[in-house]
Amino acid sequence: MSREKKTVGIGAVASVLLRMLHPSAAIRERYNNVDHGTRLEGLLVIRREKRIVNNRNQMTIVMRHDNFAGLELYCVERFVRVEMEGAPEHFFNAIAPIDNEEEEAINEEQRIPDNVVPFLGVDRVDATDAIRLAAVLATDDDDEPAPENIPQADQPPLPQGTWGHNNTYDSKATGVPNACASVCI
């Protein structure tokens, strides 16, 4: 019989495997010789945020515990086992996650390159000006090569002895190998 999965949220009581809990230095100091599969129970969920864990930006659950006064513990979201749910209005699936990078990208205006400013008359653009910007700047959308990339009939052939002529290199054609020097005694 499977048990019902409880939803994580602010105020929930959870448990986590000790080896998955961070900051690991504080965990090892308090629990220095633990058995495989030992869980820390009674963790109170504070919030959910993105943090770098194992060199990746991952969604983590931040918690606190009585044994670690004044220290915030965190682990990757998938390793949290909820023992008792918090209030339904504080469930994380109902609240958008805190993502500082997205907020900064939305709030920060994009700077236009200097060569575009004379055409628009402004030095900053937002999302509503995208149509106006596309109308002012010339775009090539016909999937044809640029005129300067089309070979002309009156162009002289490539010079002999340079890379690219008949897909060979000059030293290969002359028989001189590209080998490392060696000394025999």
N, C-alpha and C. Protein backbone atom coordinates (compact mmCIF):
# COMPACT_ATOMS: atom_id res chain seq x y z
N MET A 1 0.84 -1.17 0.00
CA MET A 1 0.00 0.00 0.00
C MET A 1 0.89 1.24 0.00
N SER A 2 0.67 2.12 -0.97
CA SER A 2 1.49 3.32 -1.05
C SER A 2 0.90 4.42 -0.17
N ARG A 3 1.81 5.18 0.40
CA ARG A 3 1.33 6.27 1.23
C ARG A 3 1.18 7.53 0.39
N GLU A 4 0.31 8.41 0.83
CA GLU A 4 0.03 9.64 0.10
C GLU A 4 1.21 10.60 0.23
N LYS A 5 1.62 11.18 -0.89
CA LYS A 5 2.74 12.12 -0.88
C LYS A 5 2.26 13.44 -0.32
N LYS A 6 3.01 13.94 0.64
CA LYS A 6 2.66 15.21 1.26
C LYS A 6 3.37 16.33 0.53
N THR A 7 2.75 17.49 0.51
CA THR A 7 3.26 18.64 -0.23
C THR A 7 4.15 19.48 0.65
N VAL A 8 5.29 19.90 0.10
CA VAL A 8 6.22 20.73 0.84
C VAL A 8 5.82 22.19 0.70
N GLY A 9 6.00 22.92 1.77
CA GLY A 9 5.68 24.34 1.79
C GLY A 9 6.23 24.97 3.05
N ILE A 10 6.06 26.27 3.18
CA ILE A 10 6.54 26.98 4.36
C ILE A 10 5.81 26.46 5.59
N GLY A 11 6.55 26.15 6.64
CA GLY A 11 5.97 25.64 7.88
C GLY A 11 5.87 24.13 7.94
N ALA A 12 6.26 23.44 6.88
CA ALA A 12 6.20 21.98 6.88
C ALA A 12 7.35 21.43 7.72
N VAL A 13 7.12 20.24 8.31
CA VAL A 13 8.16 19.54 9.06
C VAL A 13 8.65 18.42 8.15
N ALA A 14 9.98 18.34 7.97
CA ALA A 14 10.54 17.41 7.00
C ALA A 14 11.71 16.65 7.59
N SER A 15 12.16 15.63 6.85
CA SER A 15 13.38 14.91 7.21
C SER A 15 14.22 14.76 5.94
N VAL A 16 15.55 14.72 6.15
CA VAL A 16 16.49 14.66 5.03
C VAL A 16 17.63 13.72 5.41
N LEU A 17 18.15 12.96 4.45
CA LEU A 17 19.35 12.18 4.68
C LEU A 17 20.49 13.12 5.05
N LEU A 18 21.26 12.76 6.07
CA LEU A 18 22.34 13.63 6.53
C LEU A 18 23.37 13.89 5.45
N ARG A 19 23.63 12.91 4.59
CA ARG A 19 24.65 13.10 3.58
C ARG A 19 24.20 14.05 2.47
N MET A 20 22.91 14.38 2.39
CA MET A 20 22.40 15.30 1.38
C MET A 20 22.23 16.71 1.92
N LEU A 21 22.44 16.91 3.20
CA LEU A 21 22.19 18.19 3.84
C LEU A 21 23.41 19.08 3.77
N HIS A 22 23.20 20.37 3.54
CA HIS A 22 24.27 21.36 3.46
C HIS A 22 24.00 22.48 4.45
N PRO A 23 24.99 23.19 4.93
CA PRO A 23 26.42 23.09 4.67
C PRO A 23 27.00 21.85 5.34
N SER A 24 27.69 21.07 4.53
CA SER A 24 28.15 19.76 4.98
C SER A 24 29.18 19.84 6.10
N ALA A 25 29.96 20.92 6.16
CA ALA A 25 30.96 21.05 7.23
C ALA A 25 30.27 21.12 8.60
N ALA A 26 29.19 21.85 8.69
CA ALA A 26 28.46 21.95 9.96
C ALA A 26 27.79 20.63 10.32
N ILE A 27 27.31 19.91 9.32
CA ILE A 27 26.66 18.61 9.57
C ILE A 27 27.70 17.61 10.07
N ARG A 28 28.88 17.57 9.43
CA ARG A 28 29.94 16.63 9.85
C ARG A 28 30.46 16.96 11.24
N GLU A 29 30.48 18.24 11.60
CA GLU A 29 30.95 18.63 12.93
C GLU A 29 30.01 18.12 14.01
N ARG A 30 28.72 18.20 13.76
CA ARG A 30 27.72 17.79 14.75
C ARG A 30 27.53 16.27 14.74
N TYR A 31 27.43 15.67 13.55
CA TYR A 31 27.23 14.22 13.38
C TYR A 31 28.43 13.69 12.62
N ASN A 32 29.49 13.32 13.33
CA ASN A 32 30.74 12.99 12.65
C ASN A 32 30.84 11.55 12.17
N ASN A 33 30.11 10.62 12.74
CA ASN A 33 30.23 9.23 12.32
C ASN A 33 28.82 8.64 12.21
N VAL A 34 28.20 8.83 11.07
CA VAL A 34 26.80 8.41 10.91
C VAL A 34 26.73 7.13 10.08
N ASP A 35 25.69 6.37 10.31
CA ASP A 35 25.42 5.15 9.54
C ASP A 35 24.78 5.53 8.21
N HIS A 36 24.87 4.61 7.26
CA HIS A 36 24.26 4.82 5.96
C HIS A 36 22.74 4.92 6.12
N GLY A 37 22.13 5.92 5.51
CA GLY A 37 20.68 6.06 5.57
C GLY A 37 20.17 6.82 6.78
N THR A 38 21.05 7.43 7.56
CA THR A 38 20.61 8.18 8.74
C THR A 38 19.97 9.49 8.29
N ARG A 39 18.78 9.77 8.83
CA ARG A 39 18.04 10.97 8.47
C ARG A 39 17.99 11.93 9.65
N LEU A 40 17.99 13.21 9.35
CA LEU A 40 17.77 14.24 10.35
C LEU A 40 16.30 14.62 10.27
N GLU A 41 15.58 14.41 11.36
CA GLU A 41 14.14 14.65 11.37
C GLU A 41 13.84 15.92 12.13
N GLY A 42 12.65 16.44 11.94
CA GLY A 42 12.22 17.63 12.66
C GLY A 42 12.72 18.93 12.05
N LEU A 43 13.05 18.93 10.78
CA LEU A 43 13.49 20.15 10.09
C LEU A 43 12.28 21.00 9.73
N LEU A 44 12.32 22.27 10.04
CA LEU A 44 11.22 23.20 9.74
C LEU A 44 11.56 23.94 8.45
N VAL A 45 10.69 23.84 7.45
CA VAL A 45 10.92 24.46 6.14
C VAL A 45 10.67 25.96 6.25
N ILE A 46 11.66 26.74 5.78
CA ILE A 46 11.57 28.20 5.81
C ILE A 46 11.18 28.76 4.44
N ARG A 47 11.90 28.32 3.40
CA ARG A 47 11.65 28.84 2.05
C ARG A 47 12.26 27.90 1.02
N ARG A 48 12.02 28.25 -0.25
CA ARG A 48 12.59 27.53 -1.39
C ARG A 48 13.32 28.55 -2.25
N GLU A 49 14.54 28.21 -2.67
CA GLU A 49 15.31 29.13 -3.50
C GLU A 49 16.31 28.36 -4.35
N LYS A 50 16.86 29.04 -5.36
CA LYS A 50 17.88 28.43 -6.19
C LYS A 50 19.24 28.71 -5.56
N ARG A 51 20.06 27.65 -5.46
CA ARG A 51 21.42 27.74 -4.95
C ARG A 51 22.31 26.84 -5.79
N ILE A 52 23.60 27.10 -5.71
CA ILE A 52 24.55 26.25 -6.42
C ILE A 52 24.93 25.09 -5.52
N VAL A 53 24.57 23.88 -5.95
CA VAL A 53 24.89 22.64 -5.24
C VAL A 53 25.55 21.73 -6.26
N ASN A 54 26.73 21.20 -5.95
CA ASN A 54 27.50 20.34 -6.86
C ASN A 54 27.73 21.03 -8.21
N ASN A 55 28.11 22.30 -8.15
CA ASN A 55 28.44 23.10 -9.34
C ASN A 55 27.28 23.26 -10.31
N ARG A 56 26.05 23.11 -9.84
CA ARG A 56 24.87 23.32 -10.67
C ARG A 56 23.90 24.20 -9.92
N ASN A 57 23.18 25.03 -10.64
CA ASN A 57 22.16 25.88 -10.04
C ASN A 57 20.90 25.04 -9.88
N GLN A 58 20.55 24.69 -8.63
CA GLN A 58 19.44 23.77 -8.38
C GLN A 58 18.45 24.40 -7.39
N MET A 59 17.20 23.95 -7.50
CA MET A 59 16.18 24.40 -6.58
C MET A 59 16.37 23.68 -5.25
N THR A 60 16.50 24.45 -4.16
CA THR A 60 16.74 23.87 -2.85
C THR A 60 15.65 24.29 -1.88
N ILE A 61 15.51 23.50 -0.83
CA ILE A 61 14.61 23.80 0.28
C ILE A 61 15.48 24.24 1.45
N VAL A 62 15.21 25.43 1.99
CA VAL A 62 15.97 25.96 3.12
C VAL A 62 15.19 25.66 4.39
N MET A 63 15.90 25.10 5.41
CA MET A 63 15.25 24.66 6.64
C MET A 63 16.07 25.10 7.85
N ARG A 64 15.47 24.96 9.02
CA ARG A 64 16.21 25.17 10.27
C ARG A 64 15.88 24.04 11.22
N HIS A 65 16.80 23.84 12.20
CA HIS A 65 16.66 22.74 13.15
C HIS A 65 17.15 23.21 14.50
N ASP A 66 16.59 22.63 15.58
CA ASP A 66 16.97 23.03 16.93
C ASP A 66 18.43 22.72 17.25
N ASN A 67 18.99 21.67 16.67
CA ASN A 67 20.39 21.32 16.93
C ASN A 67 21.38 22.28 16.27
N PHE A 68 20.91 23.06 15.31
CA PHE A 68 21.75 24.01 14.59
C PHE A 68 21.16 25.40 14.76
N ALA A 69 21.31 25.96 15.94
CA ALA A 69 20.72 27.27 16.24
C ALA A 69 21.38 28.35 15.40
N GLY A 70 20.57 29.17 14.74
CA GLY A 70 21.07 30.28 13.96
C GLY A 70 21.66 29.90 12.62
N LEU A 71 21.58 28.65 12.20
CA LEU A 71 22.16 28.20 10.95
C LEU A 71 21.05 27.68 10.04
N GLU A 72 21.07 28.15 8.79
CA GLU A 72 20.09 27.67 7.81
C GLU A 72 20.68 26.46 7.09
N LEU A 73 19.95 25.36 7.12
CA LEU A 73 20.35 24.14 6.42
C LEU A 73 19.56 24.08 5.12
N TYR A 74 20.15 23.48 4.10
CA TYR A 74 19.45 23.35 2.83
C TYR A 74 19.85 22.07 2.13
N CYS A 75 18.97 21.61 1.27
CA CYS A 75 19.27 20.47 0.41
C CYS A 75 18.44 20.59 -0.86
N VAL A 76 18.82 19.81 -1.86
CA VAL A 76 18.10 19.81 -3.12
C VAL A 76 16.68 19.32 -2.88
N GLU A 77 15.75 19.92 -3.56
CA GLU A 77 14.33 19.71 -3.32
C GLU A 77 13.90 18.24 -3.36
N ARG A 78 14.48 17.44 -4.24
CA ARG A 78 14.02 16.06 -4.40
C ARG A 78 14.39 15.15 -3.23
N PHE A 79 15.32 15.58 -2.36
CA PHE A 79 15.74 14.75 -1.24
C PHE A 79 14.98 15.03 0.05
N VAL A 80 14.01 15.91 0.01
CA VAL A 80 13.23 16.26 1.20
C VAL A 80 12.03 15.34 1.32
N ARG A 81 11.85 14.74 2.50
CA ARG A 81 10.67 13.92 2.78
C ARG A 81 9.82 14.68 3.79
N VAL A 82 8.60 15.03 3.39
CA VAL A 82 7.71 15.80 4.25
C VAL A 82 7.04 14.87 5.24
N GLU A 83 7.17 15.18 6.54
CA GLU A 83 6.51 14.40 7.58
C GLU A 83 5.16 15.00 7.93
N MET A 84 5.10 16.34 7.96
CA MET A 84 3.86 17.02 8.29
C MET A 84 3.76 18.29 7.44
N GLU A 85 2.65 18.45 6.73
CA GLU A 85 2.48 19.59 5.85
C GLU A 85 2.23 20.87 6.64
N GLY A 86 2.56 21.99 6.00
CA GLY A 86 2.24 23.30 6.56
C GLY A 86 0.87 23.73 6.07
N ALA A 87 0.59 25.02 6.15
CA ALA A 87 -0.70 25.55 5.71
C ALA A 87 -0.80 25.46 4.18
N PRO A 88 -1.98 25.12 3.65
CA PRO A 88 -2.13 24.95 2.20
C PRO A 88 -1.81 26.21 1.39
N GLU A 89 -2.03 27.38 1.94
CA GLU A 89 -1.73 28.60 1.19
C GLU A 89 -0.23 28.86 1.06
N HIS A 90 0.59 28.09 1.81
CA HIS A 90 2.05 28.25 1.74
C HIS A 90 2.74 27.11 0.99
N PHE A 91 1.97 26.26 0.29
CA PHE A 91 2.58 25.20 -0.51
C PHE A 91 3.40 25.83 -1.62
N PHE A 92 4.54 25.20 -1.95
CA PHE A 92 5.43 25.77 -2.95
C PHE A 92 4.90 25.65 -4.36
N ASN A 93 4.03 24.69 -4.64
CA ASN A 93 3.48 24.61 -5.98
C ASN A 93 2.48 25.73 -6.24
N ALA A 94 1.99 26.39 -5.19
CA ALA A 94 1.09 27.52 -5.35
C ALA A 94 1.85 28.85 -5.38
N ILE A 95 3.10 28.85 -4.92
CA ILE A 95 3.92 30.05 -4.87
C ILE A 95 5.00 29.94 -5.93
N ALA A 96 5.24 31.02 -6.68
CA ALA A 96 6.33 31.01 -7.67
C ALA A 96 7.66 30.99 -6.95
N PRO A 97 8.63 30.21 -7.43
CA PRO A 97 9.93 30.14 -6.77
C PRO A 97 10.68 31.45 -6.84
N ILE A 98 11.54 31.69 -5.87
CA ILE A 98 12.36 32.89 -5.84
C ILE A 98 13.52 32.68 -6.79
N ASP A 99 13.57 33.51 -7.82
CA ASP A 99 14.64 33.42 -8.81
C ASP A 99 15.17 34.82 -9.07
N ASN A 100 16.24 35.16 -8.40
CA ASN A 100 16.78 36.52 -8.48
C ASN A 100 17.25 36.86 -9.88
N GLU A 101 17.77 35.90 -10.64
CA GLU A 101 18.29 36.18 -11.97
C GLU A 101 17.16 36.63 -12.90
N GLU A 102 16.00 35.96 -12.83
CA GLU A 102 14.89 36.34 -13.70
C GLU A 102 14.35 37.70 -13.32
N GLU A 103 14.26 38.00 -12.01
CA GLU A 103 13.77 39.30 -11.58
C GLU A 103 14.68 40.41 -12.08
N GLU A 104 16.00 40.21 -12.00
CA GLU A 104 16.94 41.22 -12.47
C GLU A 104 16.82 41.41 -13.97
N ALA A 105 16.63 40.31 -14.71
CA ALA A 105 16.52 40.41 -16.16
C ALA A 105 15.24 41.14 -16.56
N ILE A 106 14.16 40.96 -15.83
CA ILE A 106 12.91 41.62 -16.14
C ILE A 106 12.99 43.10 -15.78
N ASN A 107 13.54 43.42 -14.61
CA ASN A 107 13.58 44.79 -14.14
C ASN A 107 14.61 45.64 -14.86
N GLU A 108 15.69 45.04 -15.32
CA GLU A 108 16.77 45.79 -15.93
C GLU A 108 16.48 46.04 -17.40
N GLU A 109 16.60 47.32 -17.83
CA GLU A 109 16.40 47.65 -19.23
C GLU A 109 17.64 47.26 -20.02
N GLN A 110 17.42 46.93 -21.28
CA GLN A 110 18.53 46.53 -22.13
C GLN A 110 19.11 47.77 -22.81
N ARG A 111 20.42 47.86 -22.83
CA ARG A 111 21.13 48.97 -23.47
C ARG A 111 21.29 48.67 -24.96
N ILE A 112 20.97 49.65 -25.79
CA ILE A 112 21.07 49.49 -27.23
C ILE A 112 22.50 49.83 -27.66
N PRO A 113 23.07 49.10 -28.61
CA PRO A 113 24.40 49.44 -29.11
C PRO A 113 24.43 50.86 -29.68
N ASP A 114 25.60 51.49 -29.66
CA ASP A 114 25.73 52.89 -30.08
C ASP A 114 25.37 53.12 -31.54
N ASN A 115 25.60 52.13 -32.40
CA ASN A 115 25.28 52.34 -33.81
C ASN A 115 23.78 52.29 -34.10
N VAL A 116 22.97 51.89 -33.15
CA VAL A 116 21.52 51.82 -33.33
C VAL A 116 20.85 53.09 -32.81
N VAL A 117 21.48 53.78 -31.87
CA VAL A 117 20.88 54.95 -31.22
C VAL A 117 20.48 56.03 -32.22
N PRO A 118 21.29 56.39 -33.25
CA PRO A 118 20.85 57.44 -34.17
C PRO A 118 19.57 57.11 -34.92
N PHE A 119 19.30 55.83 -35.16
CA PHE A 119 18.09 55.46 -35.89
C PHE A 119 16.84 55.61 -35.02
N LEU A 120 16.94 55.25 -33.73
CA LEU A 120 15.78 55.27 -32.86
C LEU A 120 15.60 56.60 -32.14
N GLY A 121 16.69 57.28 -31.84
CA GLY A 121 16.60 58.53 -31.09
C GLY A 121 16.55 58.31 -29.60
N VAL A 122 16.66 57.07 -29.13
CA VAL A 122 16.69 56.76 -27.71
C VAL A 122 17.87 55.83 -27.45
N ASP A 123 18.34 55.78 -26.19
CA ASP A 123 19.48 54.91 -25.89
C ASP A 123 19.10 53.66 -25.12
N ARG A 124 17.82 53.46 -24.82
CA ARG A 124 17.37 52.26 -24.13
C ARG A 124 16.12 51.74 -24.82
N VAL A 125 15.92 50.44 -24.74
CA VAL A 125 14.76 49.82 -25.37
C VAL A 125 14.15 48.82 -24.39
N ASP A 126 12.84 48.68 -24.44
CA ASP A 126 12.18 47.65 -23.65
C ASP A 126 11.45 46.71 -24.61
N ALA A 127 10.72 45.78 -24.07
CA ALA A 127 10.09 44.75 -24.90
C ALA A 127 9.06 45.33 -25.85
N THR A 128 8.42 46.44 -25.50
CA THR A 128 7.39 47.01 -26.37
C THR A 128 7.99 47.66 -27.61
N ASP A 129 9.28 47.99 -27.58
CA ASP A 129 9.93 48.62 -28.73
C ASP A 129 10.50 47.61 -29.72
N ALA A 130 10.29 46.33 -29.51
CA ALA A 130 10.87 45.31 -30.37
C ALA A 130 10.37 45.43 -31.80
N ILE A 131 9.11 45.72 -31.99
CA ILE A 131 8.55 45.84 -33.34
C ILE A 131 9.12 47.08 -34.03
N ARG A 132 9.22 48.16 -33.28
CA ARG A 132 9.78 49.40 -33.81
C ARG A 132 11.25 49.20 -34.21
N LEU A 133 11.99 48.49 -33.39
CA LEU A 133 13.40 48.23 -33.66
C LEU A 133 13.56 47.34 -34.89
N ALA A 134 12.71 46.34 -35.05
CA ALA A 134 12.78 45.45 -36.21
C ALA A 134 12.44 46.20 -37.50
N ALA A 135 11.56 47.20 -37.43
CA ALA A 135 11.20 47.98 -38.61
C ALA A 135 12.33 48.90 -39.04
N VAL A 136 13.13 49.39 -38.09
CA VAL A 136 14.21 50.33 -38.40
C VAL A 136 15.45 49.62 -38.92
N LEU A 137 15.80 48.47 -38.33
CA LEU A 137 17.01 47.76 -38.70
C LEU A 137 16.74 46.86 -39.90
N ALA A 138 17.67 46.87 -40.83
CA ALA A 138 17.55 46.01 -42.01
C ALA A 138 17.89 44.58 -41.61
N THR A 139 17.03 43.65 -41.97
CA THR A 139 17.28 42.24 -41.67
C THR A 139 17.27 41.45 -42.97
N ASP A 140 18.08 40.40 -43.00
CA ASP A 140 18.17 39.53 -44.16
C ASP A 140 17.50 38.22 -43.80
N ASP A 141 16.31 37.98 -44.37
CA ASP A 141 15.58 36.77 -44.02
C ASP A 141 15.22 35.93 -45.25
N ASP A 142 15.98 36.08 -46.34
CA ASP A 142 15.66 35.34 -47.55
C ASP A 142 16.45 34.04 -47.69
N ASP A 143 17.29 33.70 -46.72
CA ASP A 143 18.08 32.47 -46.70
C ASP A 143 19.02 32.33 -47.91
N GLU A 144 19.40 33.42 -48.52
CA GLU A 144 20.36 33.41 -49.62
C GLU A 144 21.71 33.88 -49.08
N PRO A 145 22.83 33.47 -49.70
CA PRO A 145 24.13 33.96 -49.24
C PRO A 145 24.28 35.46 -49.51
N ALA A 146 25.09 36.09 -48.70
CA ALA A 146 25.37 37.51 -48.89
C ALA A 146 26.09 37.70 -50.21
N PRO A 147 25.88 38.84 -50.90
CA PRO A 147 26.49 39.04 -52.22
C PRO A 147 28.01 38.91 -52.21
N GLU A 148 28.67 39.34 -51.14
CA GLU A 148 30.13 39.25 -51.10
C GLU A 148 30.62 37.82 -50.93
N ASN A 149 29.76 36.90 -50.58
CA ASN A 149 30.15 35.50 -50.41
C ASN A 149 29.89 34.64 -51.64
N ILE A 150 29.34 35.21 -52.66
CA ILE A 150 29.08 34.48 -53.90
C ILE A 150 30.33 34.59 -54.77
N PRO A 151 30.94 33.46 -55.20
CA PRO A 151 32.16 33.53 -56.02
C PRO A 151 31.86 34.14 -57.39
N GLN A 152 32.77 34.98 -57.84
CA GLN A 152 32.63 35.63 -59.15
C GLN A 152 33.45 34.85 -60.18
N ALA A 153 33.06 34.93 -61.43
CA ALA A 153 33.73 34.19 -62.50
C ALA A 153 35.11 34.77 -62.81
N ASP A 154 35.31 36.08 -62.60
CA ASP A 154 36.57 36.71 -62.96
C ASP A 154 37.60 36.70 -61.83
N GLN A 155 37.36 35.97 -60.73
CA GLN A 155 38.31 35.90 -59.62
C GLN A 155 39.46 34.96 -59.98
N PRO A 156 40.72 35.33 -59.63
CA PRO A 156 41.85 34.44 -59.90
C PRO A 156 41.80 33.24 -58.95
N PRO A 157 42.42 32.12 -59.32
CA PRO A 157 42.42 30.95 -58.44
C PRO A 157 43.28 31.21 -57.20
N LEU A 158 43.10 30.39 -56.20
CA LEU A 158 43.89 30.51 -54.97
C LEU A 158 45.36 30.28 -55.26
N PRO A 159 46.26 31.00 -54.58
CA PRO A 159 47.69 30.82 -54.84
C PRO A 159 48.16 29.43 -54.42
N GLN A 160 49.18 28.94 -55.15
CA GLN A 160 49.74 27.62 -54.88
C GLN A 160 50.55 27.64 -53.58
N GLY A 161 50.49 26.55 -52.81
CA GLY A 161 51.31 26.41 -51.61
C GLY A 161 50.69 26.98 -50.36
N THR A 162 49.43 27.32 -50.37
CA THR A 162 48.76 27.80 -49.15
C THR A 162 47.74 26.76 -48.73
N TRP A 163 47.36 26.84 -47.49
CA TRP A 163 46.40 25.89 -46.97
C TRP A 163 45.07 26.07 -47.68
N GLY A 164 44.50 25.00 -48.11
CA GLY A 164 43.20 25.06 -48.74
C GLY A 164 43.22 24.75 -50.21
N HIS A 165 44.38 24.83 -50.89
CA HIS A 165 44.41 24.53 -52.32
C HIS A 165 44.35 23.01 -52.51
N ASN A 166 43.35 22.54 -53.14
CA ASN A 166 43.09 21.11 -53.36
C ASN A 166 43.09 20.33 -52.04
N ASN A 167 42.73 21.00 -50.96
CA ASN A 167 42.62 20.40 -49.64
C ASN A 167 43.91 19.75 -49.15
N THR A 168 45.05 20.28 -49.56
CA THR A 168 46.34 19.78 -49.09
C THR A 168 47.15 20.94 -48.53
N TYR A 169 48.13 20.60 -47.72
CA TYR A 169 49.03 21.59 -47.15
C TYR A 169 50.36 21.50 -47.88
N ASP A 170 51.05 22.64 -47.99
CA ASP A 170 52.26 22.74 -48.79
C ASP A 170 53.32 21.73 -48.36
N SER A 171 53.54 21.54 -47.06
CA SER A 171 54.58 20.61 -46.61
C SER A 171 54.23 19.17 -46.98
N LYS A 172 52.97 18.87 -47.07
CA LYS A 172 52.55 17.53 -47.48
C LYS A 172 52.85 17.32 -48.96
N ALA A 173 52.64 18.34 -49.77
CA ALA A 173 52.88 18.22 -51.21
C ALA A 173 54.36 18.12 -51.52
N THR A 174 55.21 18.79 -50.73
CA THR A 174 56.65 18.76 -50.99
C THR A 174 57.33 17.55 -50.37
N GLY A 175 56.64 16.78 -49.56
CA GLY A 175 57.19 15.59 -48.96
C GLY A 175 57.92 15.82 -47.66
N VAL A 176 57.83 17.03 -47.08
CA VAL A 176 58.50 17.32 -45.81
C VAL A 176 57.50 17.02 -44.70
N PRO A 177 57.79 16.03 -43.86
CA PRO A 177 56.82 15.68 -42.80
C PRO A 177 56.85 16.67 -41.64
N ASN A 178 55.76 16.73 -40.95
CA ASN A 178 55.66 17.57 -39.76
C ASN A 178 55.94 16.67 -38.56
N ALA A 179 57.21 16.40 -38.30
CA ALA A 179 57.59 15.46 -37.24
C ALA A 179 58.41 16.16 -36.19
N CYS A 180 58.40 15.63 -34.98
CA CYS A 180 59.19 16.18 -33.90
C CYS A 180 60.67 15.80 -34.09
N ALA A 181 61.55 16.68 -33.67
CA ALA A 181 62.98 16.40 -33.78
C ALA A 181 63.36 15.34 -32.76
N SER A 182 64.30 14.48 -33.11
CA SER A 182 64.76 13.46 -32.20
C SER A 182 66.27 13.29 -32.36
N VAL A 183 66.94 12.84 -31.30
CA VAL A 183 68.38 12.64 -31.30
C VAL A 183 68.64 11.17 -30.99
N CYS A 184 69.44 10.52 -31.84
CA CYS A 184 69.80 9.12 -31.61
C CYS A 184 71.27 9.05 -31.18
N ILE A 185 71.55 8.36 -30.12
CA ILE A 185 72.93 8.23 -29.62
C ILE A 185 73.39 6.81 -29.79
